[in-house]
């Protein structure tokens, strides 16, 4: 059921009619499973009700609807998860070699502001 709703959801957004004059996205056909009729404004710049896939899943009485919805980009999202959990943990390389390295000598400030004996 959820897979069917997802395919309908993708189809709704791919087949929408973009009205450039009013800056709106309009549904082209009826999507009864998504509770969207033909001519419904699905995307606009102002004064419209935003379609929410989670609400549609809840109307179909699907349990635990959050697991079928990806996290929003504003609050972390998949990229943040990948960066922190998968690629963020760097392997500890050369750990043994670092214990045997000598510390670098601190860089001292040159005498007389870097002027040598020629510039007297």
PDB file of N, CA and C in Angstrom:
ATOM      1  N   UNK A   1       0.827  -1.194   0.000  1.00  0.00           N
ATOM      2  CA  UNK A   1       0.000   0.000   0.000  1.00  0.00           C
ATOM      3  C   UNK A   1       0.876   1.265   0.000  1.00  0.00           C
ATOM      4  N   UNK A   2       1.918   1.247   0.823  1.00  0.00           N
ATOM      5  CA  UNK A   2       2.790   2.414   0.915  1.00  0.00           C
ATOM      6  C   UNK A   2       3.544   2.626  -0.394  1.00  0.00           C
ATOM      7  N   UNK A   3       3.993   1.551  -1.017  1.00  0.00           N
ATOM      8  CA  UNK A   3       4.702   1.675  -2.295  1.00  0.00           C
ATOM      9  C   UNK A   3       3.790   2.257  -3.374  1.00  0.00           C
ATOM     10  N   UNK A   4       2.521   1.842  -3.362  1.00  0.00           N
ATOM     11  CA  UNK A   4       1.560   2.387  -4.324  1.00  0.00           C
ATOM     12  C   UNK A   4       1.346   3.876  -4.092  1.00  0.00           C
ATOM     13  N   UNK A   5       1.254   4.280  -2.832  1.00  0.00           N
ATOM     14  CA  UNK A   5       1.090   5.691  -2.512  1.00  0.00           C
ATOM     15  C   UNK A   5       2.331   6.494  -2.919  1.00  0.00           C
ATOM     16  N   UNK A   6       3.511   5.913  -2.720  1.00  0.00           N
ATOM     17  CA  UNK A   6       4.738   6.608  -3.115  1.00  0.00           C
ATOM     18  C   UNK A   6       4.804   6.814  -4.627  1.00  0.00           C
ATOM     19  N   UNK A   7       4.403   5.803  -5.393  1.00  0.00           N
ATOM     20  CA  UNK A   7       4.414   5.958  -6.851  1.00  0.00           C
ATOM     21  C   UNK A   7       3.403   7.009  -7.304  1.00  0.00           C
ATOM     22  N   UNK A   8       2.237   7.039  -6.666  1.00  0.00           N
ATOM     23  CA  UNK A   8       1.240   8.061  -6.977  1.00  0.00           C
ATOM     24  C   UNK A   8       1.767   9.453  -6.615  1.00  0.00           C
ATOM     25  N   UNK A   9       2.459   9.560  -5.486  1.00  0.00           N
ATOM     26  CA  UNK A   9       3.010  10.826  -5.016  1.00  0.00           C
ATOM     27  C   UNK A   9       4.053  11.354  -6.024  1.00  0.00           C
ATOM     28  N   UNK A  10       4.939  10.462  -6.485  1.00  0.00           N
ATOM     29  CA  UNK A  10       5.944  10.865  -7.470  1.00  0.00           C
ATOM     30  C   UNK A  10       5.291  11.275  -8.780  1.00  0.00           C
ATOM     31  N   UNK A  11       4.273  10.515  -9.179  1.00  0.00           N
ATOM     32  CA  UNK A  11       3.568  10.803 -10.426  1.00  0.00           C
ATOM     33  C   UNK A  11       2.864  12.156 -10.344  1.00  0.00           C
ATOM     34  N   UNK A  12       2.295  12.464  -9.174  1.00  0.00           N
ATOM     35  CA  UNK A  12       1.623  13.746  -8.959  1.00  0.00           C
ATOM     36  C   UNK A  12       2.594  14.905  -9.180  1.00  0.00           C
ATOM     37  N   UNK A  13       3.786  14.803  -8.638  1.00  0.00           N
ATOM     38  CA  UNK A  13       4.746  15.898  -8.741  1.00  0.00           C
ATOM     39  C   UNK A  13       5.419  15.958 -10.109  1.00  0.00           C
ATOM     40  N   UNK A  14       5.528  14.833 -10.802  1.00  0.00           N
ATOM     41  CA  UNK A  14       6.131  14.846 -12.124  1.00  0.00           C
ATOM     42  C   UNK A  14       5.178  15.368 -13.188  1.00  0.00           C
ATOM     43  N   UNK A  15       3.889  15.081 -13.044  1.00  0.00           N
ATOM     44  CA  UNK A  15       2.911  15.432 -14.069  1.00  0.00           C
ATOM     45  C   UNK A  15       2.151  16.719 -13.768  1.00  0.00           C
ATOM     46  N   UNK A  16       2.609  17.494 -12.822  1.00  0.00           N
ATOM     47  CA  UNK A  16       1.866  18.714 -12.488  1.00  0.00           C
ATOM     48  C   UNK A  16       2.009  19.746 -13.600  1.00  0.00           C
ATOM     49  N   UNK A  17       1.027  20.624 -13.672  1.00  0.00           N
ATOM     50  CA  UNK A  17       1.026  21.706 -14.641  1.00  0.00           C
ATOM     51  C   UNK A  17       1.561  22.950 -13.948  1.00  0.00           C
ATOM     52  N   UNK A  18       2.648  23.510 -14.472  1.00  0.00           N
ATOM     53  CA  UNK A  18       3.239  24.703 -13.881  1.00  0.00           C
ATOM     54  C   UNK A  18       2.668  25.937 -14.557  1.00  0.00           C
ATOM     55  N   UNK A  19       1.940  26.729 -13.788  1.00  0.00           N
ATOM     56  CA  UNK A  19       1.376  27.981 -14.290  1.00  0.00           C
ATOM     57  C   UNK A  19       2.377  29.087 -13.981  1.00  0.00           C
ATOM     58  N   UNK A  20       3.066  29.565 -15.000  1.00  0.00           N
ATOM     59  CA  UNK A  20       4.112  30.575 -14.803  1.00  0.00           C
ATOM     60  C   UNK A  20       3.524  31.927 -14.426  1.00  0.00           C
ATOM     61  N   UNK A  21       2.325  32.229 -14.904  1.00  0.00           N
ATOM     62  CA  UNK A  21       1.721  33.522 -14.643  1.00  0.00           C
ATOM     63  C   UNK A  21       1.363  33.683 -13.165  1.00  0.00           C
ATOM     64  N   UNK A  22       0.777  32.641 -12.579  1.00  0.00           N
ATOM     65  CA  UNK A  22       0.371  32.701 -11.171  1.00  0.00           C
ATOM     66  C   UNK A  22       1.383  32.062 -10.222  1.00  0.00           C
ATOM     67  N   UNK A  23       2.434  31.480 -10.761  1.00  0.00           N
ATOM     68  CA  UNK A  23       3.479  30.806  -9.968  1.00  0.00           C
ATOM     69  C   UNK A  23       2.869  29.706  -9.109  1.00  0.00           C
ATOM     70  N   UNK A  24       2.160  28.782  -9.781  1.00  0.00           N
ATOM     71  CA  UNK A  24       1.499  27.685  -9.083  1.00  0.00           C
ATOM     72  C   UNK A  24       1.789  26.370  -9.792  1.00  0.00           C
ATOM     73  N   UNK A  25       1.706  25.299  -9.036  1.00  0.00           N
ATOM     74  CA  UNK A  25       1.733  23.961  -9.593  1.00  0.00           C
ATOM     75  C   UNK A  25       0.359  23.348  -9.402  1.00  0.00           C
ATOM     76  N   UNK A  26      -0.240  22.836 -10.464  1.00  0.00           N
ATOM     77  CA  UNK A  26      -1.626  22.354 -10.420  1.00  0.00           C
ATOM     78  C   UNK A  26      -1.652  20.885 -10.798  1.00  0.00           C
ATOM     79  N   UNK A  27      -2.464  20.089 -10.065  1.00  0.00           N
ATOM     80  CA  UNK A  27      -2.617  18.667 -10.356  1.00  0.00           C
ATOM     81  C   UNK A  27      -3.350  18.497 -11.687  1.00  0.00           C
ATOM     82  N   UNK A  28      -2.825  17.609 -12.525  1.00  0.00           N
ATOM     83  CA  UNK A  28      -3.385  17.412 -13.861  1.00  0.00           C
ATOM     84  C   UNK A  28      -4.550  16.433 -13.835  1.00  0.00           C
ATOM     85  N   UNK A  29      -4.465  15.367 -13.046  1.00  0.00           N
ATOM     86  CA  UNK A  29      -5.522  14.356 -12.973  1.00  0.00           C
ATOM     87  C   UNK A  29      -5.937  14.139 -11.528  1.00  0.00           C
ATOM     88  N   UNK A  30      -6.955  13.313 -11.354  1.00  0.00           N
ATOM     89  CA  UNK A  30      -7.417  12.948 -10.011  1.00  0.00           C
ATOM     90  C   UNK A  30      -6.503  11.883  -9.427  1.00  0.00           C
ATOM     91  N   UNK A  31      -6.159  12.054  -8.192  1.00  0.00           N
ATOM     92  CA  UNK A  31      -5.392  11.062  -7.434  1.00  0.00           C
ATOM     93  C   UNK A  31      -6.216  10.744  -6.200  1.00  0.00           C
ATOM     94  N   UNK A  32      -7.132   9.799  -6.346  1.00  0.00           N
ATOM     95  CA  UNK A  32      -8.073   9.502  -5.262  1.00  0.00           C
ATOM     96  C   UNK A  32      -7.367   8.910  -4.046  1.00  0.00           C
ATOM     97  N   UNK A  33      -6.302   8.140  -4.260  1.00  0.00           N
ATOM     98  CA  UNK A  33      -5.606   7.552  -3.125  1.00  0.00           C
ATOM     99  C   UNK A  33      -4.844   8.613  -2.320  1.00  0.00           C
ATOM    100  N   UNK A  34      -4.498   9.732  -2.964  1.00  0.00           N
ATOM    101  CA  UNK A  34      -3.802  10.831  -2.271  1.00  0.00           C
ATOM    102  C   UNK A  34      -4.766  11.924  -1.826  1.00  0.00           C
ATOM    103  N   UNK A  35      -6.059  11.757  -2.106  1.00  0.00           N
ATOM    104  CA  UNK A  35      -7.094  12.731  -1.776  1.00  0.00           C
ATOM    105  C   UNK A  35      -6.839  14.072  -2.475  1.00  0.00           C
ATOM    106  N   UNK A  36      -6.412  14.006  -3.738  1.00  0.00           N
ATOM    107  CA  UNK A  36      -6.149  15.201  -4.538  1.00  0.00           C
ATOM    108  C   UNK A  36      -7.004  15.119  -5.794  1.00  0.00           C
ATOM    109  N   UNK A  37      -7.760  16.178  -6.060  1.00  0.00           N
ATOM    110  CA  UNK A  37      -8.615  16.219  -7.243  1.00  0.00           C
ATOM    111  C   UNK A  37      -7.912  17.004  -8.353  1.00  0.00           C
ATOM    112  N   UNK A  38      -8.432  16.846  -9.545  1.00  0.00           N
ATOM    113  CA  UNK A  38      -7.878  17.563 -10.695  1.00  0.00           C
ATOM    114  C   UNK A  38      -8.084  19.058 -10.488  1.00  0.00           C
ATOM    115  N   UNK A  39      -7.026  19.845 -10.734  1.00  0.00           N
ATOM    116  CA  UNK A  39      -7.117  21.293 -10.581  1.00  0.00           C
ATOM    117  C   UNK A  39      -6.722  21.789  -9.202  1.00  0.00           C
ATOM    118  N   UNK A  40      -6.374  20.897  -8.302  1.00  0.00           N
ATOM    119  CA  UNK A  40      -5.944  21.299  -6.964  1.00  0.00           C
ATOM    120  C   UNK A  40      -4.555  21.918  -7.039  1.00  0.00           C
ATOM    121  N   UNK A  41      -4.364  23.028  -6.348  1.00  0.00           N
ATOM    122  CA  UNK A  41      -3.061  23.679  -6.315  1.00  0.00           C
ATOM    123  C   UNK A  41      -2.182  22.909  -5.339  1.00  0.00           C
ATOM    124  N   UNK A  42      -1.088  22.356  -5.861  1.00  0.00           N
ATOM    125  CA  UNK A  42      -0.213  21.549  -5.009  1.00  0.00           C
ATOM    126  C   UNK A  42       1.063  22.289  -4.642  1.00  0.00           C
ATOM    127  N   UNK A  43       1.363  23.365  -5.363  1.00  0.00           N
ATOM    128  CA  UNK A  43       2.549  24.152  -5.059  1.00  0.00           C
ATOM    129  C   UNK A  43       2.278  25.587  -5.485  1.00  0.00           C
ATOM    130  N   UNK A  44       2.513  26.525  -4.589  1.00  0.00           N
ATOM    131  CA  UNK A  44       2.313  27.938  -4.912  1.00  0.00           C
ATOM    132  C   UNK A  44       3.221  28.776  -4.022  1.00  0.00           C
ATOM    133  N   UNK A  45       3.295  30.056  -4.356  1.00  0.00           N
ATOM    134  CA  UNK A  45       4.147  30.935  -3.564  1.00  0.00           C
ATOM    135  C   UNK A  45       3.443  31.451  -2.315  1.00  0.00           C
ATOM    136  N   UNK A  46       2.115  31.494  -2.323  1.00  0.00           N
ATOM    137  CA  UNK A  46       1.397  31.947  -1.132  1.00  0.00           C
ATOM    138  C   UNK A  46      -0.051  31.481  -1.143  1.00  0.00           C
ATOM    139  N   UNK A  47      -0.665  31.512   0.031  1.00  0.00           N
ATOM    140  CA  UNK A  47      -2.092  31.219   0.234  1.00  0.00           C
ATOM    141  C   UNK A  47      -2.533  29.876  -0.342  1.00  0.00           C
ATOM    142  N   UNK A  48      -1.961  28.795   0.140  1.00  0.00           N
ATOM    143  CA  UNK A  48      -2.426  27.466  -0.229  1.00  0.00           C
ATOM    144  C   UNK A  48      -2.052  26.504   0.886  1.00  0.00           C
ATOM    145  N   UNK A  49      -2.746  25.349   0.918  1.00  0.00           N
ATOM    146  CA  UNK A  49      -2.462  24.336   1.929  1.00  0.00           C
ATOM    147  C   UNK A  49      -1.432  23.368   1.359  1.00  0.00           C
ATOM    148  N   UNK A  50      -0.342  23.214   2.065  1.00  0.00           N
ATOM    149  CA  UNK A  50       0.761  22.368   1.612  1.00  0.00           C
ATOM    150  C   UNK A  50       0.358  20.901   1.721  1.00  0.00           C
ATOM    151  N   UNK A  51       0.623  20.130   0.667  1.00  0.00           N
ATOM    152  CA  UNK A  51       0.385  18.691   0.723  1.00  0.00           C
ATOM    153  C   UNK A  51       1.457  18.047   1.578  1.00  0.00           C
ATOM    154  N   UNK A  52       1.044  17.105   2.421  1.00  0.00           N
ATOM    155  CA  UNK A  52       1.978  16.439   3.310  1.00  0.00           C
ATOM    156  C   UNK A  52       1.778  14.937   3.171  1.00  0.00           C
ATOM    157  N   UNK A  53       2.828  14.224   2.796  1.00  0.00           N
ATOM    158  CA  UNK A  53       2.736  12.782   2.579  1.00  0.00           C
ATOM    159  C   UNK A  53       2.448  12.041   3.882  1.00  0.00           C
ATOM    160  N   UNK A  54       2.945  12.566   4.988  1.00  0.00           N
ATOM    161  CA  UNK A  54       2.700  11.942   6.292  1.00  0.00           C
ATOM    162  C   UNK A  54       1.208  11.973   6.641  1.00  0.00           C
ATOM    163  N   UNK A  55       0.553  13.098   6.366  1.00  0.00           N
ATOM    164  CA  UNK A  55      -0.881  13.198   6.636  1.00  0.00           C
ATOM    165  C   UNK A  55      -1.675  12.217   5.774  1.00  0.00           C
ATOM    166  N   UNK A  56      -1.236  12.025   4.537  1.00  0.00           N
ATOM    167  CA  UNK A  56      -1.921  11.082   3.645  1.00  0.00           C
ATOM    168  C   UNK A  56      -1.784   9.661   4.186  1.00  0.00           C
ATOM    169  N   UNK A  57      -0.596   9.320   4.666  1.00  0.00           N
ATOM    170  CA  UNK A  57      -0.403   7.990   5.261  1.00  0.00           C
ATOM    171  C   UNK A  57      -1.251   7.812   6.510  1.00  0.00           C
ATOM    172  N   UNK A  58      -1.381   8.861   7.301  1.00  0.00           N
ATOM    173  CA  UNK A  58      -2.211   8.780   8.507  1.00  0.00           C
ATOM    174  C   UNK A  58      -3.692   8.656   8.164  1.00  0.00           C
ATOM    175  N   UNK A  59      -4.133   9.281   7.075  1.00  0.00           N
ATOM    176  CA  UNK A  59      -5.527   9.153   6.650  1.00  0.00           C
ATOM    177  C   UNK A  59      -5.830   7.737   6.177  1.00  0.00           C
ATOM    178  N   UNK A  60      -4.835   7.049   5.659  1.00  0.00           N
ATOM    179  CA  UNK A  60      -4.999   5.651   5.258  1.00  0.00           C
ATOM    180  C   UNK A  60      -4.786   4.695   6.439  1.00  0.00           C
ATOM    181  N   UNK A  61      -4.565   5.267   7.615  1.00  0.00           N
ATOM    182  CA  UNK A  61      -4.393   4.505   8.860  1.00  0.00           C
ATOM    183  C   UNK A  61      -3.220   3.533   8.789  1.00  0.00           C
ATOM    184  N   UNK A  62      -2.092   4.024   8.301  1.00  0.00           N
ATOM    185  CA  UNK A  62      -0.863   3.234   8.258  1.00  0.00           C
ATOM    186  C   UNK A  62      -0.095   3.511   9.541  1.00  0.00           C
ATOM    187  N   UNK A  63       0.262   2.444  10.230  1.00  0.00           N
ATOM    188  CA  UNK A  63       0.953   2.592  11.507  1.00  0.00           C
ATOM    189  C   UNK A  63       2.394   3.026  11.297  1.00  0.00           C
ATOM    190  N   UNK A  64       2.882   3.834  12.209  1.00  0.00           N
ATOM    191  CA  UNK A  64       4.269   4.287  12.225  1.00  0.00           C
ATOM    192  C   UNK A  64       4.648   4.923  10.879  1.00  0.00           C
ATOM    193  N   UNK A  65       3.932   5.974  10.519  1.00  0.00           N
ATOM    194  CA  UNK A  65       4.117   6.624   9.217  1.00  0.00           C
ATOM    195  C   UNK A  65       5.465   7.326   9.094  1.00  0.00           C
ATOM    196  N   UNK A  66       6.116   7.627  10.207  1.00  0.00           N
ATOM    197  CA  UNK A  66       7.388   8.343  10.153  1.00  0.00           C
ATOM    198  C   UNK A  66       8.505   7.534   9.508  1.00  0.00           C
ATOM    199  N   UNK A  67       8.434   6.234   9.570  1.00  0.00           N
ATOM    200  CA  UNK A  67       9.522   5.432   9.011  1.00  0.00           C
ATOM    201  C   UNK A  67       9.509   5.404   7.487  1.00  0.00           C
ATOM    202  N   UNK A  68       8.419   5.824   6.856  1.00  0.00           N
ATOM    203  CA  UNK A  68       8.332   5.851   5.398  1.00  0.00           C
ATOM    204  C   UNK A  68       8.699   7.211   4.818  1.00  0.00           C
ATOM    205  N   UNK A  69       8.956   8.178   5.683  1.00  0.00           N
ATOM    206  CA  UNK A  69       9.227   9.538   5.225  1.00  0.00           C
ATOM    207  C   UNK A  69      10.674   9.868   5.542  1.00  0.00           C
ATOM    208  N   UNK A  70      11.390  10.398   4.554  1.00  0.00           N
ATOM    209  CA  UNK A  70      12.776  10.762   4.800  1.00  0.00           C
ATOM    210  C   UNK A  70      12.831  12.055   5.609  1.00  0.00           C
ATOM    211  N   UNK A  71      13.890  12.232   6.371  1.00  0.00           N
ATOM    212  CA  UNK A  71      13.992  13.433   7.200  1.00  0.00           C
ATOM    213  C   UNK A  71      14.081  14.693   6.349  1.00  0.00           C
ATOM    214  N   UNK A  72      13.606  15.783   6.911  1.00  0.00           N
ATOM    215  CA  UNK A  72      13.601  17.031   6.152  1.00  0.00           C
ATOM    216  C   UNK A  72      15.011  17.589   6.035  1.00  0.00           C
ATOM    217  N   UNK A  73      15.306  18.277   4.941  1.00  0.00           N
ATOM    218  CA  UNK A  73      16.643  18.848   4.784  1.00  0.00           C
ATOM    219  C   UNK A  73      16.937  19.953   5.787  1.00  0.00           C
ATOM    220  N   UNK A  74      15.899  20.656   6.263  1.00  0.00           N
ATOM    221  CA  UNK A  74      16.120  21.723   7.220  1.00  0.00           C
ATOM    222  C   UNK A  74      16.563  21.171   8.573  1.00  0.00           C
ATOM    223  N   UNK A  75      16.061  20.007   8.950  1.00  0.00           N
ATOM    224  CA  UNK A  75      16.452  19.385  10.209  1.00  0.00           C
ATOM    225  C   UNK A  75      17.267  18.144   9.894  1.00  0.00           C
ATOM    226  N   UNK A  76      18.542  18.343   9.712  1.00  0.00           N
ATOM    227  CA  UNK A  76      19.500  17.279   9.425  1.00  0.00           C
ATOM    228  C   UNK A  76      19.299  16.702   8.027  1.00  0.00           C
ATOM    229  N   UNK A  77      18.545  15.654   7.861  1.00  0.00           N
ATOM    230  CA  UNK A  77      18.368  15.035   6.556  1.00  0.00           C
ATOM    231  C   UNK A  77      19.354  13.902   6.347  1.00  0.00           C
ATOM    232  N   UNK A  78      19.283  13.280   5.174  1.00  0.00           N
ATOM    233  CA  UNK A  78      20.139  12.128   4.872  1.00  0.00           C
ATOM    234  C   UNK A  78      21.599  12.534   4.764  1.00  0.00           C
ATOM    235  N   UNK A  79      21.875  13.700   4.164  1.00  0.00           N
ATOM    236  CA  UNK A  79      23.265  14.111   4.001  1.00  0.00           C
ATOM    237  C   UNK A  79      23.964  14.285   5.338  1.00  0.00           C
ATOM    238  N   UNK A  80      23.267  14.879   6.306  1.00  0.00           N
ATOM    239  CA  UNK A  80      23.843  15.055   7.640  1.00  0.00           C
ATOM    240  C   UNK A  80      24.116  13.694   8.276  1.00  0.00           C
ATOM    241  N   UNK A  81      23.186  12.754   8.110  1.00  0.00           N
ATOM    242  CA  UNK A  81      23.357  11.414   8.662  1.00  0.00           C
ATOM    243  C   UNK A  81      24.577  10.728   8.044  1.00  0.00           C
ATOM    244  N   UNK A  82      24.726  10.846   6.735  1.00  0.00           N
ATOM    245  CA  UNK A  82      25.852  10.214   6.053  1.00  0.00           C
ATOM    246  C   UNK A  82      27.164  10.830   6.504  1.00  0.00           C
ATOM    247  N   UNK A  83      27.200  12.161   6.632  1.00  0.00           N
ATOM    248  CA  UNK A  83      28.430  12.827   7.037  1.00  0.00           C
ATOM    249  C   UNK A  83      28.837  12.463   8.457  1.00  0.00           C
ATOM    250  N   UNK A  84      27.869  12.379   9.357  1.00  0.00           N
ATOM    251  CA  UNK A  84      28.215  12.140  10.762  1.00  0.00           C
ATOM    252  C   UNK A  84      28.401  10.666  11.079  1.00  0.00           C
ATOM    253  N   UNK A  85      27.557   9.793  10.548  1.00  0.00           N
ATOM    254  CA  UNK A  85      27.578   8.401  10.956  1.00  0.00           C
ATOM    255  C   UNK A  85      28.413   7.498  10.056  1.00  0.00           C
ATOM    256  N   UNK A  86      28.494   7.816   8.775  1.00  0.00           N
ATOM    257  CA  UNK A  86      29.172   6.909   7.851  1.00  0.00           C
ATOM    258  C   UNK A  86      30.564   7.415   7.495  1.00  0.00           C
ATOM    259  N   UNK A  87      30.660   8.629   6.959  1.00  0.00           N
ATOM    260  CA  UNK A  87      31.962   9.122   6.520  1.00  0.00           C
ATOM    261  C   UNK A  87      32.648  10.001   7.551  1.00  0.00           C
ATOM    262  N   UNK A  88      31.963  10.416   8.586  1.00  0.00           N
ATOM    263  CA  UNK A  88      32.551  11.320   9.563  1.00  0.00           C
ATOM    264  C   UNK A  88      33.570  10.670  10.465  1.00  0.00           C
ATOM    265  N   UNK A  89      33.475   9.381  10.647  1.00  0.00           N
ATOM    266  CA  UNK A  89      34.401   8.689  11.526  1.00  0.00           C
ATOM    267  C   UNK A  89      35.620   8.251  10.727  1.00  0.00           C
ATOM    268  N   UNK A  90      36.712   8.951  10.917  1.00  0.00           N
ATOM    269  CA  UNK A  90      37.920   8.661  10.164  1.00  0.00           C
ATOM    270  C   UNK A  90      38.701   7.555  10.868  1.00  0.00           C
ATOM    271  N   UNK A  91      39.278   6.653  10.115  1.00  0.00           N
ATOM    272  CA  UNK A  91      40.095   5.614  10.735  1.00  0.00           C
ATOM    273  C   UNK A  91      41.373   6.216  11.311  1.00  0.00           C
ATOM    274  N   UNK A  92      41.850   5.608  12.367  1.00  0.00           N
ATOM    275  CA  UNK A  92      43.056   6.111  13.014  1.00  0.00           C
ATOM    276  C   UNK A  92      44.268   5.485  12.345  1.00  0.00           C
ATOM    277  N   UNK A  93      44.853   6.206  11.428  1.00  0.00           N
ATOM    278  CA  UNK A  93      46.014   5.725  10.694  1.00  0.00           C
ATOM    279  C   UNK A  93      47.282   6.286  11.337  1.00  0.00           C
ATOM    280  N   UNK A  94      48.349   5.534  11.190  1.00  0.00           N
ATOM    281  CA  UNK A  94      49.666   5.951  11.666  1.00  0.00           C
ATOM    282  C   UNK A  94      49.669   6.298  13.150  1.00  0.00           C
ATOM    283  N   UNK A  95      48.846   5.626  13.907  1.00  0.00           N
ATOM    284  CA  UNK A  95      48.784   5.926  15.325  1.00  0.00           C
ATOM    285  C   UNK A  95      50.100   5.558  16.012  1.00  0.00           C
ATOM    286  N   UNK A  96      50.689   4.435  15.621  1.00  0.00           N
ATOM    287  CA  UNK A  96      51.947   4.012  16.218  1.00  0.00           C
ATOM    288  C   UNK A  96      53.091   4.912  15.776  1.00  0.00           C
ATOM    289  N   UNK A  97      53.066   5.341  14.509  1.00  0.00           N
ATOM    290  CA  UNK A  97      54.125   6.202  13.992  1.00  0.00           C
ATOM    291  C   UNK A  97      54.121   7.558  14.687  1.00  0.00           C
ATOM    292  N   UNK A  98      52.939   8.047  15.065  1.00  0.00           N
ATOM    293  CA  UNK A  98      52.854   9.345  15.732  1.00  0.00           C
ATOM    294  C   UNK A  98      53.510   9.325  17.105  1.00  0.00           C
ATOM    295  N   UNK A  99      53.545   8.184  17.748  1.00  0.00           N
ATOM    296  CA  UNK A  99      54.167   8.119  19.072  1.00  0.00           C
ATOM    297  C   UNK A  99      55.674   8.249  18.985  1.00  0.00           C
ATOM    298  N   UNK A 100      56.283   7.876  17.861  1.00  0.00           N
ATOM    299  CA  UNK A 100      57.727   7.938  17.702  1.00  0.00           C
ATOM    300  C   UNK A 100      58.228   9.216  17.028  1.00  0.00           C
ATOM    301  N   UNK A 101      57.345  10.048  16.540  1.00  0.00           N
ATOM    302  CA  UNK A 101      57.760  11.281  15.878  1.00  0.00           C
ATOM    303  C   UNK A 101      58.306  12.276  16.899  1.00  0.00           C
ATOM    304  N   UNK A 102      59.320  13.003  16.481  1.00  0.00           N
ATOM    305  CA  UNK A 102      59.856  14.048  17.340  1.00  0.00           C
ATOM    306  C   UNK A 102      59.022  15.304  17.158  1.00  0.00           C
ATOM    307  N   UNK A 103      58.922  16.050  18.221  1.00  0.00           N
ATOM    308  CA  UNK A 103      58.162  17.284  18.142  1.00  0.00           C
ATOM    309  C   UNK A 103      58.942  18.310  17.335  1.00  0.00           C
ATOM    310  N   UNK A 104      58.234  19.096  16.557  1.00  0.00           N
ATOM    311  CA  UNK A 104      58.874  20.126  15.748  1.00  0.00           C
ATOM    312  C   UNK A 104      59.343  21.257  16.645  1.00  0.00           C
ATOM    313  N   UNK A 105      60.498  21.841  16.331  1.00  0.00           N
ATOM    314  CA  UNK A 105      61.016  22.948  17.112  1.00  0.00           C
ATOM    315  C   UNK A 105      60.138  24.165  16.869  1.00  0.00           C
ATOM    316  N   UNK A 106      59.884  24.939  17.914  1.00  0.00           N
ATOM    317  CA  UNK A 106      59.064  26.135  17.710  1.00  0.00           C
ATOM    318  C   UNK A 106      59.801  27.160  16.854  1.00  0.00           C
ATOM    319  N   UNK A 107      59.062  27.846  16.025  1.00  0.00           N
ATOM    320  CA  UNK A 107      59.643  28.859  15.147  1.00  0.00           C
ATOM    321  C   UNK A 107      59.891  30.108  15.980  1.00  0.00           C
ATOM    322  N   UNK A 108      61.148  30.543  16.038  1.00  0.00           N
ATOM    323  CA  UNK A 108      61.509  31.721  16.815  1.00  0.00           C
ATOM    324  C   UNK A 108      61.447  32.965  15.955  1.00  0.00           C
ATOM    325  N   UNK A 109      61.185  34.057  16.606  1.00  0.00           N
ATOM    326  CA  UNK A 109      61.154  35.326  15.899  1.00  0.00           C
ATOM    327  C   UNK A 109      62.583  35.739  15.557  1.00  0.00           C
ATOM    328  N   UNK A 110      62.827  36.168  14.314  1.00  0.00           N
ATOM    329  CA  UNK A 110      64.204  36.545  13.946  1.00  0.00           C
ATOM    330  C   UNK A 110      64.668  37.787  14.701  1.00  0.00           C
ATOM    331  N   UNK A 111      65.978  37.844  14.949  1.00  0.00           N
ATOM    332  CA  UNK A 111      66.556  38.987  15.665  1.00  0.00           C
ATOM    333  C   UNK A 111      66.448  40.251  14.823  1.00  0.00           C
ATOM    334  N   UNK A 112      66.293  41.373  15.478  1.00  0.00           N
ATOM    335  CA  UNK A 112      66.262  42.702  14.855  1.00  0.00           C
ATOM    336  C   UNK A 112      65.211  42.793  13.758  1.00  0.00           C
ATOM    337  N   UNK A 113      64.120  42.094  13.916  1.00  0.00           N
ATOM    338  CA  UNK A 113      63.031  42.193  12.956  1.00  0.00           C
ATOM    339  C   UNK A 113      63.366  41.638  11.589  1.00  0.00           C
ATOM    340  N   UNK A 114      64.340  40.701  11.503  1.00  0.00           N
ATOM    341  CA  UNK A 114      64.681  40.082  10.252  1.00  0.00           C
ATOM    342  C   UNK A 114      65.756  40.798   9.465  1.00  0.00           C
ATOM    343  N   UNK A 115      66.306  41.908   9.993  1.00  0.00           N
ATOM    344  CA  UNK A 115      67.358  42.616   9.285  1.00  0.00           C
ATOM    345  C   UNK A 115      68.684  41.980   9.610  1.00  0.00           C
ATOM    346  N   UNK A 116      69.472  41.746   8.635  1.00  0.00           N
ATOM    347  CA  UNK A 116      70.788  41.148   8.841  1.00  0.00           C
ATOM    348  C   UNK A 116      71.871  42.209   8.995  1.00  0.00           C
ATOM    349  N   UNK A 117      73.105  41.798   8.994  1.00  0.00           N
ATOM    350  CA  UNK A 117      74.237  42.715   9.192  1.00  0.00           C
ATOM    351  C   UNK A 117      74.437  43.640   8.001  1.00  0.00           C
ATOM    352  N   UNK A 118      73.888  43.256   6.808  1.00  0.00           N
ATOM    353  CA  UNK A 118      74.041  44.097   5.638  1.00  0.00           C
ATOM    354  C   UNK A 118      73.221  45.374   5.723  1.00  0.00           C
ATOM    355  N   UNK A 119      72.131  45.313   6.453  1.00  0.00           N
ATOM    356  CA  UNK A 119      71.190  46.428   6.435  1.00  0.00           C
ATOM    357  C   UNK A 119      71.425  47.420   7.560  1.00  0.00           C
ATOM    358  N   UNK A 120      72.577  47.414   8.151  1.00  0.00           N
ATOM    359  CA  UNK A 120      72.853  48.354   9.237  1.00  0.00           C
ATOM    360  C   UNK A 120      73.122  49.688   8.745  1.00  0.00           C
TER     361      UNK A 120
END
